[in-house]
N, C-alpha and C. Protein backbone atom coordinates (compact mmCIF):
# COMPACT_ATOMS: atom_id res chain seq x y z
N SER A 1 27.52 79.33 -40.71
CA SER A 1 28.34 80.46 -40.11
C SER A 1 29.20 80.93 -41.11
N THR A 2 29.43 82.26 -41.23
CA THR A 2 30.49 82.96 -42.17
C THR A 2 31.77 83.24 -41.53
N GLN A 3 32.02 82.57 -40.39
CA GLN A 3 33.28 82.72 -39.60
C GLN A 3 34.32 81.84 -40.33
N SER A 4 35.48 82.41 -40.49
CA SER A 4 36.62 81.82 -41.18
C SER A 4 37.30 80.81 -40.27
N THR A 5 37.99 79.83 -40.78
CA THR A 5 38.92 78.90 -40.10
C THR A 5 40.39 79.43 -40.10
N TRP A 6 40.57 80.69 -40.60
CA TRP A 6 41.91 81.28 -40.62
C TRP A 6 42.30 81.87 -39.28
N GLY A 7 41.46 81.98 -38.24
CA GLY A 7 41.83 82.66 -36.96
C GLY A 7 41.40 84.07 -37.00
N PHE A 8 40.38 84.53 -37.90
CA PHE A 8 39.98 85.71 -37.92
C PHE A 8 38.95 85.92 -36.66
N LYS A 9 38.81 87.16 -36.21
CA LYS A 9 37.83 87.47 -35.28
C LYS A 9 36.61 87.93 -35.98
N MET A 10 36.87 88.61 -37.11
CA MET A 10 35.65 89.37 -37.83
C MET A 10 35.15 88.07 -38.54
N LYS A 11 33.86 88.28 -38.93
CA LYS A 11 33.28 87.41 -39.97
C LYS A 11 33.67 87.77 -41.45
N PHE A 12 33.56 86.93 -42.41
CA PHE A 12 33.86 87.22 -43.72
C PHE A 12 33.17 88.56 -44.34
N GLY A 13 31.96 88.77 -43.83
CA GLY A 13 31.12 89.89 -44.36
C GLY A 13 31.80 91.10 -43.84
N GLU A 14 32.19 91.19 -42.59
CA GLU A 14 32.83 92.28 -41.90
C GLU A 14 34.22 92.48 -42.70
N LEU A 15 35.04 91.53 -42.90
CA LEU A 15 36.29 91.65 -43.61
C LEU A 15 36.06 92.26 -44.98
N ILE A 16 35.12 91.77 -45.70
CA ILE A 16 34.89 92.40 -47.09
C ILE A 16 34.50 93.75 -46.90
N ASP A 17 33.61 94.09 -45.94
CA ASP A 17 33.16 95.58 -45.71
C ASP A 17 34.27 96.38 -45.50
N TYR A 18 35.22 95.87 -44.65
CA TYR A 18 36.49 96.74 -44.36
C TYR A 18 37.22 96.93 -45.49
N CYS A 19 37.35 95.89 -46.30
CA CYS A 19 38.18 96.09 -47.59
C CYS A 19 37.63 97.04 -48.59
N ILE A 20 36.18 96.99 -48.67
CA ILE A 20 35.43 97.89 -49.43
C ILE A 20 35.76 99.34 -49.01
N ARG A 21 35.62 99.58 -47.77
CA ARG A 21 35.86 100.94 -47.15
C ARG A 21 37.31 101.37 -47.39
N MET A 22 38.29 100.47 -47.30
CA MET A 22 39.66 100.83 -47.44
C MET A 22 39.95 101.19 -48.96
N ILE A 23 39.43 100.45 -49.80
CA ILE A 23 39.59 100.53 -51.30
C ILE A 23 38.96 101.90 -51.75
N ASN A 24 37.63 101.99 -51.29
CA ASN A 24 36.91 103.26 -51.66
C ASN A 24 37.45 104.56 -51.06
N GLY A 25 38.23 104.52 -50.02
CA GLY A 25 38.73 105.57 -49.35
C GLY A 25 40.18 106.01 -49.80
N PHE A 26 40.75 105.17 -50.56
CA PHE A 26 42.22 105.40 -51.15
C PHE A 26 42.18 106.39 -52.13
N ASN A 27 43.06 107.34 -52.02
CA ASN A 27 43.40 108.32 -53.03
C ASN A 27 44.78 108.04 -53.51
N PRO A 28 44.88 107.61 -54.88
CA PRO A 28 46.14 107.27 -55.45
C PRO A 28 47.13 108.35 -55.36
N LYS A 29 46.86 109.43 -54.96
CA LYS A 29 47.93 110.69 -54.87
C LYS A 29 48.50 110.60 -53.56
N ASN A 30 47.98 109.80 -52.61
CA ASN A 30 48.57 109.72 -51.27
C ASN A 30 49.59 108.45 -51.27
N ALA A 31 50.44 108.41 -50.24
CA ALA A 31 51.39 107.35 -49.98
C ALA A 31 50.67 106.13 -49.65
N VAL A 32 50.87 105.06 -50.36
CA VAL A 32 50.04 103.73 -50.12
C VAL A 32 50.45 103.14 -48.76
N THR A 33 51.74 103.09 -48.49
CA THR A 33 52.12 102.39 -47.14
C THR A 33 51.47 103.16 -45.99
N SER A 34 51.58 104.49 -45.94
CA SER A 34 51.11 105.16 -44.68
C SER A 34 49.54 105.11 -44.73
N TYR A 35 48.89 105.12 -45.82
CA TYR A 35 47.49 104.89 -45.98
C TYR A 35 47.03 103.59 -45.33
N VAL A 36 47.82 102.56 -45.74
CA VAL A 36 47.31 101.13 -45.33
C VAL A 36 47.71 101.23 -43.70
N GLU A 37 48.75 101.59 -43.24
CA GLU A 37 49.12 101.63 -41.83
C GLU A 37 48.04 102.24 -40.97
N ASP A 38 47.83 103.48 -41.58
CA ASP A 38 46.69 104.36 -40.77
C ASP A 38 45.21 103.65 -40.80
N PHE A 39 44.96 103.03 -41.85
CA PHE A 39 43.77 102.55 -42.09
C PHE A 39 43.44 101.26 -41.26
N LEU A 40 44.65 100.57 -41.04
CA LEU A 40 44.59 99.29 -40.15
C LEU A 40 45.03 99.45 -38.78
N LYS A 41 45.18 100.79 -38.25
CA LYS A 41 45.61 100.88 -36.97
C LYS A 41 44.73 100.34 -35.91
N ASN A 42 43.44 100.34 -36.10
CA ASN A 42 42.52 99.72 -35.01
C ASN A 42 42.31 98.16 -35.30
N VAL A 43 42.83 97.60 -36.38
CA VAL A 43 42.78 96.07 -36.48
C VAL A 43 43.96 95.48 -35.80
N THR A 44 43.57 94.61 -34.80
CA THR A 44 44.62 94.01 -33.92
C THR A 44 44.99 92.57 -34.48
N ASN A 45 43.98 91.91 -35.03
CA ASN A 45 44.24 90.55 -35.32
C ASN A 45 45.12 90.48 -36.54
N PRO A 46 46.34 89.83 -36.42
CA PRO A 46 47.28 89.79 -37.50
C PRO A 46 46.81 89.06 -38.83
N TYR A 47 45.89 88.02 -38.70
CA TYR A 47 45.39 87.34 -39.89
C TYR A 47 44.51 88.21 -40.58
N GLU A 48 43.70 89.18 -39.77
CA GLU A 48 42.80 90.01 -40.57
C GLU A 48 43.53 91.14 -41.23
N LYS A 49 44.68 91.64 -40.56
CA LYS A 49 45.47 92.78 -41.29
C LYS A 49 46.14 92.12 -42.55
N VAL A 50 46.63 90.92 -42.50
CA VAL A 50 47.18 90.29 -43.73
C VAL A 50 46.08 90.08 -44.74
N PHE A 51 44.97 89.68 -44.40
CA PHE A 51 43.75 89.36 -45.46
C PHE A 51 43.57 90.72 -46.08
N ILE A 52 43.08 91.84 -45.27
CA ILE A 52 42.80 93.03 -45.81
C ILE A 52 43.81 93.85 -46.59
N THR A 53 45.04 93.69 -46.06
CA THR A 53 46.10 94.31 -46.84
C THR A 53 46.42 93.48 -48.17
N GLN A 54 46.38 92.20 -48.16
CA GLN A 54 46.58 91.55 -49.40
C GLN A 54 45.38 91.83 -50.47
N VAL A 55 44.19 91.88 -49.91
CA VAL A 55 43.07 92.28 -50.84
C VAL A 55 43.18 93.64 -51.30
N PHE A 56 43.47 94.60 -50.53
CA PHE A 56 43.84 96.02 -51.00
C PHE A 56 44.83 96.12 -51.93
N TYR A 57 46.02 95.54 -51.65
CA TYR A 57 46.97 95.67 -52.69
C TYR A 57 46.75 95.03 -54.00
N GLY A 58 46.10 93.73 -53.86
CA GLY A 58 45.69 93.09 -55.05
C GLY A 58 44.71 93.76 -55.91
N VAL A 59 43.87 94.31 -55.36
CA VAL A 59 42.84 95.16 -56.05
C VAL A 59 43.42 96.35 -56.75
N ILE A 60 44.30 97.07 -55.96
CA ILE A 60 45.00 98.19 -56.58
C ILE A 60 45.92 97.73 -57.62
N ARG A 61 46.64 96.73 -57.61
CA ARG A 61 47.44 96.14 -58.61
C ARG A 61 46.83 95.79 -59.77
N TYR A 62 45.66 95.24 -59.70
CA TYR A 62 44.92 94.51 -60.76
C TYR A 62 43.60 95.30 -61.15
N LYS A 63 43.84 96.64 -60.84
CA LYS A 63 42.55 97.36 -60.93
C LYS A 63 41.97 97.50 -62.32
N SER A 64 42.81 97.74 -63.42
CA SER A 64 42.27 97.79 -64.87
C SER A 64 41.76 96.41 -65.22
N PHE A 65 42.40 95.44 -64.87
CA PHE A 65 41.97 93.94 -65.22
C PHE A 65 40.60 93.72 -64.48
N LEU A 66 40.37 94.19 -63.13
CA LEU A 66 39.20 93.98 -62.48
C LEU A 66 38.06 94.94 -63.02
N LYS A 67 38.43 96.11 -63.37
CA LYS A 67 37.47 97.09 -63.99
C LYS A 67 36.86 96.51 -65.36
N ALA A 68 37.88 95.84 -66.16
CA ALA A 68 37.36 95.37 -67.44
C ALA A 68 36.46 94.30 -67.14
N PHE A 69 36.59 93.44 -66.13
CA PHE A 69 35.65 92.44 -65.69
C PHE A 69 34.29 92.96 -65.37
N THR A 70 34.31 93.94 -64.53
CA THR A 70 33.11 94.47 -63.83
C THR A 70 32.40 95.40 -64.86
N GLU A 71 33.06 96.01 -65.82
CA GLU A 71 32.45 96.83 -66.88
C GLU A 71 31.56 95.79 -67.76
N ALA A 72 32.31 94.58 -68.18
CA ALA A 72 31.62 93.61 -68.97
C ALA A 72 30.37 92.96 -68.14
N LEU A 73 30.51 92.80 -66.79
CA LEU A 73 29.54 92.29 -66.09
C LEU A 73 28.23 93.22 -65.97
N PHE A 74 28.53 94.47 -65.77
CA PHE A 74 27.48 95.55 -65.61
C PHE A 74 26.81 95.61 -66.93
N THR A 75 27.59 95.59 -68.09
CA THR A 75 26.98 95.80 -69.31
C THR A 75 26.07 94.50 -69.68
N GLN A 76 26.56 93.39 -69.42
CA GLN A 76 25.90 92.02 -69.80
C GLN A 76 24.74 91.80 -68.86
N LYS A 77 24.87 92.20 -67.61
CA LYS A 77 23.81 91.84 -66.57
C LYS A 77 23.32 93.09 -65.98
N SER A 78 23.04 94.07 -66.85
CA SER A 78 22.52 95.49 -66.27
C SER A 78 21.34 95.44 -65.54
N SER A 79 20.43 94.54 -65.83
CA SER A 79 19.11 94.56 -65.09
C SER A 79 19.40 93.87 -63.64
N SER A 80 20.51 93.17 -63.36
CA SER A 80 20.56 92.46 -62.15
C SER A 80 21.94 92.84 -61.41
N THR A 81 22.38 93.88 -61.85
CA THR A 81 23.65 94.45 -61.09
C THR A 81 23.43 96.04 -60.87
N ASN A 82 24.25 96.32 -59.96
CA ASN A 82 24.27 97.86 -59.57
C ASN A 82 25.76 98.38 -59.56
N ARG A 83 25.98 99.35 -60.29
CA ARG A 83 27.54 99.82 -60.42
C ARG A 83 27.98 100.28 -59.01
N GLY A 84 27.16 100.54 -58.16
CA GLY A 84 27.56 100.90 -56.68
C GLY A 84 28.11 99.72 -56.15
N ASP A 85 28.09 98.58 -56.68
CA ASP A 85 28.70 97.39 -56.16
C ASP A 85 30.02 96.98 -56.79
N ALA A 86 30.60 97.93 -57.50
CA ALA A 86 31.90 97.69 -58.34
C ALA A 86 32.91 97.11 -57.39
N THR A 87 33.20 97.78 -56.24
CA THR A 87 34.30 97.47 -55.30
C THR A 87 34.06 96.00 -54.76
N LEU A 88 32.91 95.67 -54.43
CA LEU A 88 32.45 94.38 -53.96
C LEU A 88 32.95 93.26 -55.01
N TYR A 89 32.51 93.58 -56.30
CA TYR A 89 32.80 92.75 -57.40
C TYR A 89 34.36 92.68 -57.74
N TRP A 90 34.99 93.80 -57.58
CA TRP A 90 36.43 93.77 -57.71
C TRP A 90 37.08 92.73 -56.77
N ILE A 91 36.64 93.02 -55.47
CA ILE A 91 37.25 92.05 -54.45
C ILE A 91 36.97 90.68 -54.57
N MET A 92 35.72 90.31 -54.95
CA MET A 92 35.38 88.87 -55.06
C MET A 92 36.05 88.36 -56.32
N ALA A 93 36.17 89.07 -57.36
CA ALA A 93 36.84 88.73 -58.62
C ALA A 93 38.39 88.51 -58.33
N TYR A 94 39.06 89.45 -57.63
CA TYR A 94 40.41 89.37 -57.28
C TYR A 94 40.64 87.97 -56.52
N ILE A 95 39.81 87.87 -55.51
CA ILE A 95 40.06 86.66 -54.62
C ILE A 95 39.72 85.42 -55.58
N SER A 96 38.66 85.25 -56.31
CA SER A 96 38.21 84.08 -57.02
C SER A 96 39.29 83.85 -58.21
N ILE A 97 39.78 84.82 -58.90
CA ILE A 97 40.83 84.66 -60.00
C ILE A 97 42.11 84.37 -59.34
N PHE A 98 42.66 85.32 -58.51
CA PHE A 98 44.06 85.28 -58.12
C PHE A 98 44.47 84.57 -56.86
N ARG A 99 43.41 84.24 -55.98
CA ARG A 99 43.82 83.76 -54.67
C ARG A 99 42.96 82.63 -54.20
N LEU A 100 42.32 82.03 -55.06
CA LEU A 100 41.34 81.00 -54.80
C LEU A 100 42.17 79.74 -54.22
N ASP A 101 43.24 79.45 -54.89
CA ASP A 101 44.04 78.29 -54.35
C ASP A 101 44.60 78.48 -52.87
N GLU A 102 44.49 79.66 -52.28
CA GLU A 102 44.95 79.91 -50.81
C GLU A 102 43.81 79.58 -49.86
N LEU A 103 42.52 79.61 -50.40
CA LEU A 103 41.41 79.40 -49.56
C LEU A 103 40.87 77.94 -49.63
N SER A 104 40.55 77.58 -48.33
CA SER A 104 39.87 76.21 -48.29
C SER A 104 38.53 76.36 -49.08
N HIS A 105 37.97 75.28 -49.53
CA HIS A 105 36.68 75.26 -50.11
C HIS A 105 35.53 75.87 -49.19
N ASP A 106 35.67 75.48 -47.89
CA ASP A 106 34.78 76.06 -46.94
C ASP A 106 34.89 77.38 -46.79
N ASP A 107 36.13 77.89 -46.66
CA ASP A 107 36.22 79.39 -46.48
C ASP A 107 35.72 80.18 -47.75
N TYR A 108 36.02 79.68 -48.98
CA TYR A 108 35.47 80.28 -50.06
C TYR A 108 34.01 80.32 -50.15
N ARG A 109 33.27 79.22 -49.72
CA ARG A 109 31.88 79.24 -49.67
C ARG A 109 31.42 80.14 -48.54
N ARG A 110 31.91 80.19 -47.43
CA ARG A 110 31.70 81.09 -46.45
C ARG A 110 31.84 82.73 -46.94
N LEU A 111 32.88 82.94 -47.70
CA LEU A 111 33.04 84.18 -48.27
C LEU A 111 31.98 84.58 -49.18
N ILE A 112 31.61 83.68 -50.15
CA ILE A 112 30.49 83.85 -51.04
C ILE A 112 29.26 84.16 -50.29
N GLN A 113 29.00 83.20 -49.21
CA GLN A 113 27.73 83.33 -48.47
C GLN A 113 27.53 84.46 -47.62
N SER A 114 28.78 85.20 -47.28
CA SER A 114 28.74 86.39 -46.49
C SER A 114 28.01 87.53 -47.30
N GLN A 115 27.86 87.41 -48.49
CA GLN A 115 27.30 88.48 -49.32
C GLN A 115 25.91 88.10 -49.83
N ASP A 116 25.27 89.24 -50.45
CA ASP A 116 23.92 89.00 -50.87
C ASP A 116 23.90 88.00 -51.90
N PRO A 117 22.92 86.98 -51.74
CA PRO A 117 22.85 85.83 -52.62
C PRO A 117 22.64 86.24 -54.16
N VAL A 118 21.79 87.16 -54.29
CA VAL A 118 21.47 87.66 -55.68
C VAL A 118 22.71 88.15 -56.47
N LYS A 119 23.33 89.12 -55.61
CA LYS A 119 24.63 89.62 -56.23
C LYS A 119 25.63 88.59 -56.53
N MET A 120 25.74 87.76 -55.62
CA MET A 120 26.84 86.61 -55.84
C MET A 120 26.39 85.66 -56.89
N ASN A 121 25.08 85.39 -56.99
CA ASN A 121 24.57 84.47 -58.18
C ASN A 121 24.95 85.09 -59.41
N VAL A 122 24.66 86.31 -59.72
CA VAL A 122 24.91 86.98 -60.93
C VAL A 122 26.53 87.02 -61.14
N PHE A 123 27.21 87.38 -60.10
CA PHE A 123 28.79 87.37 -60.27
C PHE A 123 29.31 85.92 -60.63
N LEU A 124 28.93 85.02 -59.78
CA LEU A 124 29.54 83.68 -60.12
C LEU A 124 29.17 83.04 -61.55
N GLN A 125 27.88 83.29 -61.85
CA GLN A 125 27.44 82.75 -63.16
C GLN A 125 28.30 83.45 -64.21
N PHE A 126 28.59 84.63 -64.06
CA PHE A 126 29.32 85.39 -65.09
C PHE A 126 30.76 85.03 -65.04
N LEU A 127 31.38 84.92 -63.82
CA LEU A 127 32.81 84.63 -63.67
C LEU A 127 33.11 83.24 -64.34
N TYR A 128 32.27 82.25 -63.93
CA TYR A 128 32.52 80.89 -64.29
C TYR A 128 31.96 80.55 -65.70
N SER A 129 31.42 81.58 -66.43
CA SER A 129 31.18 81.26 -67.76
C SER A 129 32.20 81.66 -68.80
N THR A 130 32.70 80.51 -69.32
CA THR A 130 33.80 80.80 -70.21
C THR A 130 33.45 81.49 -71.30
N ASP A 131 32.18 81.25 -71.90
CA ASP A 131 31.49 81.99 -73.02
C ASP A 131 31.52 83.39 -72.79
N ASP A 132 30.96 83.89 -71.56
CA ASP A 132 30.92 85.25 -71.28
C ASP A 132 32.19 85.87 -71.15
N LEU A 133 33.28 85.27 -70.47
CA LEU A 133 34.58 85.83 -70.39
C LEU A 133 35.15 86.00 -71.72
N LYS A 134 35.22 84.93 -72.66
CA LYS A 134 35.64 85.07 -73.90
C LYS A 134 35.12 86.10 -74.83
N GLN A 135 33.70 86.17 -74.69
CA GLN A 135 33.02 87.09 -75.51
C GLN A 135 33.03 88.54 -75.09
N HIS A 136 32.97 88.73 -73.74
CA HIS A 136 32.84 90.11 -73.23
C HIS A 136 33.92 90.72 -72.39
N VAL A 137 35.06 89.96 -71.97
CA VAL A 137 35.97 90.46 -71.09
C VAL A 137 37.44 90.31 -71.83
N ARG A 138 37.59 89.12 -72.45
CA ARG A 138 38.83 88.69 -72.89
C ARG A 138 39.60 89.77 -73.79
N ALA A 139 38.98 90.41 -74.72
CA ALA A 139 39.48 91.38 -75.70
C ALA A 139 40.13 92.64 -74.79
N GLU A 140 39.44 93.02 -73.76
CA GLU A 140 39.91 94.10 -72.93
C GLU A 140 41.23 93.60 -72.14
N TRP A 141 41.11 92.33 -71.56
CA TRP A 141 42.11 91.87 -70.85
C TRP A 141 43.46 91.84 -71.67
N LEU A 142 43.25 91.37 -73.10
CA LEU A 142 44.37 91.34 -74.08
C LEU A 142 45.02 92.57 -74.37
N LYS A 143 44.35 93.67 -73.94
CA LYS A 143 45.00 94.95 -74.20
C LYS A 143 46.26 95.30 -73.21
N GLU A 144 46.26 94.54 -72.11
CA GLU A 144 47.35 94.53 -71.23
C GLU A 144 48.04 93.44 -70.76
N TYR A 145 47.45 92.22 -71.02
CA TYR A 145 48.08 90.95 -70.85
C TYR A 145 48.25 90.10 -72.04
N ASP A 146 49.15 89.09 -72.04
CA ASP A 146 49.42 88.22 -73.18
C ASP A 146 48.27 87.28 -73.32
N THR A 147 48.10 86.70 -74.43
CA THR A 147 47.14 85.67 -74.85
C THR A 147 47.18 84.43 -73.86
N SER A 148 48.53 83.94 -73.79
CA SER A 148 48.58 82.68 -73.04
C SER A 148 48.25 82.90 -71.62
N TYR A 149 48.60 84.00 -71.02
CA TYR A 149 48.24 84.30 -69.57
C TYR A 149 46.70 84.32 -69.38
N ILE A 150 46.00 85.04 -70.27
CA ILE A 150 44.60 85.10 -70.18
C ILE A 150 43.97 83.90 -70.46
N ASP A 151 44.25 83.12 -71.51
CA ASP A 151 43.59 81.91 -71.86
C ASP A 151 43.92 80.75 -70.86
N GLU A 152 45.30 80.77 -70.29
CA GLU A 152 45.59 79.57 -69.54
C GLU A 152 45.52 79.89 -67.99
N LYS A 153 46.04 81.04 -67.65
CA LYS A 153 46.00 81.25 -66.14
C LYS A 153 44.79 81.92 -65.65
N VAL A 154 44.07 82.47 -66.53
CA VAL A 154 42.83 83.18 -65.99
C VAL A 154 41.54 82.34 -66.42
N ILE A 155 41.16 82.26 -67.61
CA ILE A 155 40.03 81.55 -68.13
C ILE A 155 40.22 80.23 -67.93
N GLY A 156 41.37 79.45 -68.29
CA GLY A 156 41.66 78.13 -68.19
C GLY A 156 41.56 77.61 -66.66
N VAL A 157 42.12 78.43 -65.74
CA VAL A 157 42.12 78.09 -64.43
C VAL A 157 40.62 78.11 -63.90
N LEU A 158 39.79 79.20 -64.20
CA LEU A 158 38.46 79.26 -63.85
C LEU A 158 37.71 78.11 -64.27
N GLN A 159 37.90 77.76 -65.52
CA GLN A 159 37.22 76.68 -66.21
C GLN A 159 37.56 75.38 -65.32
N LYS A 160 38.91 75.16 -64.96
CA LYS A 160 39.23 74.03 -64.24
C LYS A 160 38.66 73.89 -62.91
N ASN A 161 38.32 75.15 -62.25
CA ASN A 161 37.94 75.23 -60.97
C ASN A 161 36.47 75.02 -60.79
N ILE A 162 35.66 74.94 -61.95
CA ILE A 162 34.23 74.89 -62.01
C ILE A 162 33.82 73.68 -61.14
N SER A 163 34.41 72.56 -61.41
CA SER A 163 33.86 71.31 -60.68
C SER A 163 34.06 71.51 -59.26
N GLY A 164 35.08 72.12 -58.76
CA GLY A 164 35.21 72.30 -57.35
C GLY A 164 34.33 73.38 -56.57
N VAL A 165 33.69 74.20 -57.53
CA VAL A 165 32.92 75.16 -56.82
C VAL A 165 31.26 74.99 -57.27
N ASN A 166 31.01 73.90 -57.80
CA ASN A 166 29.64 73.63 -58.39
C ASN A 166 28.63 73.71 -57.21
N ASP A 167 28.98 73.15 -56.13
CA ASP A 167 28.12 73.07 -55.00
C ASP A 167 27.91 74.54 -54.46
N ILE A 168 28.98 75.22 -54.46
CA ILE A 168 28.81 76.73 -53.94
C ILE A 168 27.85 77.49 -55.04
N LEU A 169 28.09 77.21 -56.35
CA LEU A 169 27.30 77.85 -57.50
C LEU A 169 25.82 77.39 -57.30
N ALA A 170 25.47 76.25 -57.02
CA ALA A 170 24.18 75.79 -56.80
C ALA A 170 23.57 76.39 -55.57
N GLY A 171 24.35 76.38 -54.51
CA GLY A 171 23.72 76.85 -53.17
C GLY A 171 23.35 78.15 -53.36
N VAL A 172 24.24 79.07 -53.99
CA VAL A 172 24.03 80.53 -54.14
C VAL A 172 22.80 80.81 -55.04
N GLU A 173 22.70 80.04 -56.18
CA GLU A 173 21.57 80.12 -57.14
C GLU A 173 20.32 79.85 -56.34
N LYS A 174 20.19 78.57 -55.58
CA LYS A 174 19.10 78.26 -54.82
C LYS A 174 18.64 79.51 -53.92
N LYS A 175 19.60 80.03 -53.12
CA LYS A 175 19.35 81.08 -52.22
C LYS A 175 18.70 82.37 -53.08
N ALA A 176 19.40 82.56 -54.21
CA ALA A 176 18.99 83.86 -54.96
C ALA A 176 17.69 83.67 -55.67
N THR A 177 17.47 82.46 -56.14
CA THR A 177 16.25 82.32 -57.04
C THR A 177 15.10 81.31 -56.65
N GLY A 178 15.51 80.62 -55.58
CA GLY A 178 14.59 79.58 -54.94
C GLY A 178 14.61 78.33 -55.64
N HIS A 179 15.48 78.08 -56.52
CA HIS A 179 15.62 76.87 -57.25
C HIS A 179 17.05 76.88 -58.06
N VAL A 180 17.32 75.58 -58.43
CA VAL A 180 18.63 75.51 -59.21
C VAL A 180 18.25 74.90 -60.52
N VAL A 181 18.60 75.78 -61.53
CA VAL A 181 18.35 75.36 -62.86
C VAL A 181 19.32 74.20 -63.40
N GLN A 182 20.54 74.43 -62.95
CA GLN A 182 21.61 73.42 -63.29
C GLN A 182 21.67 72.26 -62.19
N THR A 183 22.20 71.23 -62.49
CA THR A 183 22.60 70.29 -61.52
C THR A 183 24.05 70.59 -61.15
N THR A 184 24.53 69.87 -60.20
CA THR A 184 25.96 70.14 -59.88
C THR A 184 26.94 69.31 -60.56
N SER A 185 26.49 68.78 -61.78
CA SER A 185 27.58 68.03 -62.53
C SER A 185 28.17 69.18 -63.53
N PRO A 186 29.49 69.23 -63.58
CA PRO A 186 30.17 70.16 -64.37
C PRO A 186 29.69 70.06 -65.90
N VAL A 187 29.28 68.93 -66.30
CA VAL A 187 28.99 68.66 -67.64
C VAL A 187 27.60 69.42 -68.06
N SER A 188 26.80 69.47 -67.00
CA SER A 188 25.46 70.22 -67.17
C SER A 188 25.60 71.65 -67.38
N TYR A 189 26.69 72.31 -66.97
CA TYR A 189 26.92 73.80 -67.08
C TYR A 189 27.31 73.98 -68.48
N THR A 190 26.32 73.91 -69.28
CA THR A 190 26.71 74.15 -70.88
C THR A 190 27.07 75.55 -71.14
N HIS A 191 26.52 76.46 -70.42
CA HIS A 191 26.94 77.85 -70.62
C HIS A 191 28.29 78.16 -70.09
N LEU A 192 28.85 77.18 -69.38
CA LEU A 192 30.24 77.44 -68.97
C LEU A 192 31.42 76.93 -69.68
N ARG A 193 30.98 76.07 -70.86
CA ARG A 193 32.01 75.58 -71.72
C ARG A 193 32.61 76.48 -72.48
């Protein structure tokens, strides 16, 4: 099941779709607070409101950071990505990089599993590849953030989190490709070092 343990009535897939619609519908020329209130007027569950609001504000706040990530993803994985999925990738990157410690392992797995496995396989393989991040994204991030923040708080934390998400990576890879190339041992993820 892709139902959360957070008290949501919506499934994670529905929550992510709601976030995508909210982000895509936002015009930066309009007042943010009134847009958020208006967009969420039909969402009655307080946990869902908080999740959607935090994702919306987080993606808006880190938009250039997330755009640098997705531009590199689209460039490096052009045959297996679609630029039309940019907002989905912004949301998933925001949650994976900035909010992962707030999710239980099971909720993160459910969140990932709520999306197309092929898209998530490409996303996760790129996100958790230290080499890809250093070679293709880091320079863009360094235009706005300092080196220690990017190396320690972003790339370093993602590298540290690999062992905790190996089973999710393997499960998504199996669903996407029908097999798992890597084992779930962090040492075997040589492309992630």
